[in-house]
Amino acid sequence: VEKAAEWLPGGRITLTVLVCLVFLLLFSRFVMQPFEIPSGSMESGLRIGDRVLVNKLAYRFGSEPQRGDVVVFDGTGYFGNADYVKRVVGVEGDHVVCCDKEGRLEVNGRSVDESTFLYQGDSPSEVPFDIVVPERSLFLLGDHRSRSRDSRDHLGSPGGGMVPVGDVIGRADWIAWPVGHWTRLTRSGAYAGVPAAGGAHG
């Protein structure tokens, strides 16, 4: 360390700054990455310009995305050449239907009350759908359904609007900016009563 400091202009201070920068780069690359919300598709929970911290280790050690998680994913080849943030509504094998007789989303035969996060005044979907999520894939929707381009918009496209689990960058765990909006993002309990995939449709 002493020898390295001698070689650098500014000595130990410069070395300390460089070490901190390398640590931050590695931390952002492998652990927690900031992501700026680009649109109103996840309002009112996530607003345009909010910066969320994406937990890149959330699904790296055997864990899988769960219904209700807010995830950031690479939409290249599916949604467009960019990263997106949406809520997981269906996982592998799920039978997702909209809408039931009460106008609610239905997963594996169970109606889901999305009122805790669905944008006020929005319906679960103006576009009807009845899909089964393929293996290792996710069905993703924005919370502001009337302003969200999500899995519904790509039902007729290659891949059927599904996003491979492998393209998920991580789970959005915190709103870090602006400071007044600092919040921990937790998995919605709205899907807690949904039965396991396979039971409702064979």
Protein backbone atom coordinates (compact mmCIF):
# COMPACT_ATOMS: atom_id res chain seq x y z
CA VAL A 1 0.00 0.00 0.00
CA GLU A 2 2.82 2.40 0.95
CA LYS A 3 4.65 1.73 -2.32
CA ALA A 4 1.49 2.24 -4.37
CA ALA A 5 0.80 5.50 -2.54
CA GLU A 6 4.31 6.75 -3.36
CA TRP A 7 3.74 6.24 -7.08
CA LEU A 8 0.47 8.19 -7.18
CA PRO A 9 0.10 11.98 -7.27
CA GLY A 10 -1.63 12.87 -4.02
CA GLY A 11 -0.31 9.76 -2.28
CA ARG A 12 -2.58 7.97 0.18
CA ILE A 13 -5.59 10.22 -0.48
CA THR A 14 -5.57 9.38 -4.20
CA LEU A 15 -5.11 5.69 -3.42
CA THR A 16 -8.04 5.75 -1.01
CA VAL A 17 -10.26 7.44 -3.61
CA LEU A 18 -9.25 4.89 -6.27
CA VAL A 19 -9.95 1.96 -3.94
CA CYS A 20 -13.37 3.43 -3.11
CA LEU A 21 -14.17 3.91 -6.80
CA VAL A 22 -13.19 0.33 -7.64
CA PHE A 23 -15.31 -0.92 -4.72
CA LEU A 24 -18.31 1.12 -5.91
CA LEU A 25 -17.92 -0.16 -9.48
CA LEU A 26 -17.74 -3.77 -8.33
CA PHE A 27 -20.64 -3.23 -5.92
CA SER A 28 -22.78 -1.76 -8.71
CA ARG A 29 -21.76 -4.48 -11.16
CA PHE A 30 -22.40 -7.48 -8.94
CA VAL A 31 -24.47 -6.49 -5.88
CA MET A 32 -26.67 -3.40 -6.00
CA GLN A 33 -27.24 -1.30 -9.12
CA PRO A 34 -29.07 2.04 -9.32
CA PHE A 35 -31.83 2.33 -11.92
CA GLU A 36 -33.72 5.49 -12.88
CA ILE A 37 -37.46 5.11 -13.48
CA PRO A 38 -37.96 6.26 -17.10
CA SER A 39 -41.77 6.36 -17.35
CA GLY A 40 -45.02 6.47 -15.41
CA SER A 41 -45.79 2.78 -15.98
CA MET A 42 -45.23 1.89 -12.31
CA GLU A 43 -47.05 4.84 -10.73
CA SER A 44 -48.06 5.67 -8.18
CA GLY A 45 -45.45 3.64 -6.27
CA LEU A 46 -42.55 4.47 -8.61
CA ARG A 47 -42.54 7.91 -10.22
CA ILE A 48 -40.63 9.24 -13.22
CA GLY A 49 -37.11 10.18 -12.11
CA ASP A 50 -37.14 8.03 -8.97
CA ARG A 51 -33.94 6.05 -8.53
CA VAL A 52 -34.29 2.53 -7.24
CA LEU A 53 -31.58 0.20 -5.97
CA VAL A 54 -31.72 -3.14 -7.77
CA ASN A 55 -30.60 -6.17 -5.76
CA LYS A 56 -28.60 -8.19 -8.30
CA LEU A 57 -28.05 -11.07 -5.87
CA ALA A 58 -31.77 -11.60 -5.16
CA TYR A 59 -32.10 -14.43 -7.70
CA ARG A 60 -28.51 -15.65 -7.95
CA PHE A 61 -28.40 -18.45 -5.37
CA GLY A 62 -31.34 -20.65 -6.23
CA SER A 63 -34.06 -18.09 -5.50
CA GLU A 64 -36.56 -17.30 -8.25
CA PRO A 65 -38.69 -14.22 -8.93
CA GLN A 66 -42.00 -14.45 -7.08
CA ARG A 67 -45.43 -13.08 -7.92
CA GLY A 68 -45.62 -9.54 -6.59
CA ASP A 69 -41.89 -8.79 -6.91
CA VAL A 70 -40.91 -5.59 -8.73
CA VAL A 71 -38.05 -6.50 -11.06
CA VAL A 72 -35.73 -4.79 -13.51
CA PHE A 73 -34.99 -6.78 -16.67
CA ASP A 74 -33.29 -6.53 -20.04
CA GLY A 75 -36.07 -6.22 -22.61
CA THR A 76 -33.84 -6.67 -25.65
CA GLY A 77 -35.62 -8.83 -28.20
CA TYR A 78 -38.86 -8.83 -26.22
CA PHE A 79 -39.91 -5.32 -25.16
CA GLY A 80 -37.24 -3.16 -26.84
CA ASN A 81 -33.53 -2.42 -26.51
CA ALA A 82 -33.59 -1.13 -22.95
CA ASP A 83 -33.98 -2.15 -19.32
CA TYR A 84 -37.50 -2.07 -17.87
CA VAL A 85 -39.13 -2.22 -14.46
CA LYS A 86 -42.41 -4.15 -13.99
CA ARG A 87 -44.24 -6.29 -11.46
CA VAL A 88 -44.19 -10.09 -11.67
CA VAL A 89 -47.78 -11.28 -12.12
CA GLY A 90 -47.19 -14.81 -13.40
CA VAL A 91 -44.34 -17.30 -13.00
CA GLU A 92 -43.59 -20.60 -14.74
CA GLY A 93 -46.75 -22.67 -15.25
CA ASP A 94 -49.19 -20.00 -14.02
CA HIS A 95 -52.54 -19.63 -15.77
CA VAL A 96 -53.21 -15.88 -15.87
CA VAL A 97 -56.59 -14.55 -17.00
CA CYS A 98 -58.10 -11.10 -17.23
CA CYS A 99 -60.58 -10.43 -16.31
CA ASP A 100 -62.90 -12.46 -14.05
CA LYS A 101 -66.61 -11.65 -13.52
CA GLU A 102 -65.70 -8.95 -10.99
CA GLY A 103 -63.15 -7.41 -13.38
CA ARG A 104 -60.15 -8.67 -11.44
CA LEU A 105 -57.00 -10.47 -12.50
CA GLU A 106 -57.13 -14.22 -11.94
CA VAL A 107 -54.09 -16.47 -11.40
CA ASN A 108 -54.50 -20.25 -11.25
CA GLY A 109 -58.23 -19.86 -10.66
CA ARG A 110 -57.83 -17.39 -7.76
CA SER A 111 -58.93 -13.75 -8.10
CA VAL A 112 -56.29 -11.24 -7.06
CA ASP A 113 -57.05 -7.96 -5.27
CA GLU A 114 -54.44 -5.57 -6.70
CA SER A 115 -55.92 -2.46 -5.08
CA THR A 116 -52.87 -1.86 -2.84
CA PHE A 117 -50.63 -1.04 -5.82
CA LEU A 118 -52.81 -0.64 -8.93
CA TYR A 119 -52.94 2.99 -10.05
CA GLN A 120 -56.11 4.64 -8.79
CA GLY A 121 -58.81 4.60 -11.45
CA ASP A 122 -57.12 1.93 -13.58
CA SER A 123 -58.70 -1.44 -14.26
CA PRO A 124 -56.49 -4.55 -14.11
CA SER A 125 -56.48 -4.57 -17.92
CA GLU A 126 -58.46 -3.12 -20.80
CA VAL A 127 -56.99 -5.89 -22.94
CA PRO A 128 -58.41 -9.35 -22.22
CA PHE A 129 -55.95 -12.25 -22.07
CA ASP A 130 -55.82 -15.91 -21.10
CA ILE A 131 -52.28 -17.27 -21.02
CA VAL A 132 -50.11 -19.95 -19.45
CA VAL A 133 -46.59 -18.82 -18.57
CA PRO A 134 -43.95 -21.04 -20.23
CA GLU A 135 -41.06 -22.71 -18.46
CA ARG A 136 -38.38 -20.37 -17.04
CA SER A 137 -40.42 -17.30 -18.01
CA LEU A 138 -42.36 -14.45 -16.39
CA PHE A 139 -45.53 -12.51 -17.21
CA LEU A 140 -44.97 -8.88 -16.22
CA LEU A 141 -47.32 -5.90 -15.87
CA GLY A 142 -46.91 -2.27 -14.85
CA ASP A 143 -48.91 -0.91 -11.91
CA HIS A 144 -50.23 2.00 -13.99
CA ARG A 145 -51.90 -0.34 -16.46
CA SER A 146 -53.35 2.37 -18.71
CA ARG A 147 -49.83 3.80 -19.27
CA SER A 148 -47.77 0.62 -19.24
CA ARG A 149 -46.38 -1.21 -22.23
CA ASP A 150 -45.84 -4.67 -20.79
CA SER A 151 -46.47 -8.38 -21.45
CA ARG A 152 -49.98 -7.59 -22.71
CA ASP A 153 -48.61 -5.54 -25.62
CA HIS A 154 -46.55 -8.46 -26.91
CA LEU A 155 -49.02 -11.34 -26.64
CA GLY A 156 -48.90 -11.86 -30.42
CA SER A 157 -45.15 -11.32 -30.75
CA PRO A 158 -42.43 -14.00 -30.69
CA GLY A 159 -42.20 -15.09 -27.07
CA GLY A 160 -45.80 -14.06 -26.44
CA GLY A 161 -44.85 -11.19 -24.14
CA MET A 162 -43.02 -13.48 -21.73
CA VAL A 163 -39.61 -12.54 -20.35
CA PRO A 164 -37.02 -15.26 -19.64
CA VAL A 165 -36.02 -15.47 -15.98
CA GLY A 166 -32.39 -15.26 -17.13
CA ASP A 167 -32.97 -11.72 -18.45
CA VAL A 168 -33.96 -10.40 -15.01
CA ILE A 169 -31.22 -8.09 -13.74
CA GLY A 170 -32.53 -8.08 -10.19
CA ARG A 171 -35.26 -7.12 -7.75
CA ALA A 172 -36.00 -3.46 -7.01
CA ASP A 173 -35.55 -3.31 -3.21
CA TRP A 174 -35.30 0.40 -2.35
CA ILE A 175 -36.34 3.79 -3.65
CA ALA A 176 -33.14 5.72 -2.93
CA TRP A 177 -33.92 9.08 -4.54
CA PRO A 178 -35.43 11.59 -4.03
CA VAL A 179 -34.63 11.47 -0.32
CA GLY A 180 -38.22 12.31 0.62
CA HIS A 181 -39.43 9.22 -1.24
CA TRP A 182 -36.90 6.82 0.38
CA THR A 183 -38.79 3.55 0.83
CA ARG A 184 -38.08 -0.16 1.07
CA LEU A 185 -39.99 -2.03 -1.64
CA THR A 186 -41.50 -5.24 -0.34
CA ARG A 187 -43.22 -8.06 -2.18
CA SER A 188 -46.95 -7.46 -2.46
CA GLY A 189 -49.05 -9.89 -0.47
CA ALA A 190 -51.85 -9.67 -3.04
CA TYR A 191 -50.76 -12.97 -4.61
CA ALA A 192 -50.21 -14.84 -1.34
CA GLY A 193 -53.40 -16.86 -1.72
CA VAL A 194 -52.70 -17.95 -5.31
CA PRO A 195 -52.35 -21.75 -5.50
CA ALA A 196 -49.29 -23.36 -7.06
CA ALA A 197 -49.23 -23.61 -10.83
CA GLY A 198 -50.77 -26.73 -12.30
CA GLY A 199 -53.61 -27.19 -9.85
CA ALA A 200 -56.09 -25.03 -11.70
CA HIS A 201 -55.54 -26.09 -15.30
CA GLY A 202 -54.03 -29.56 -15.21
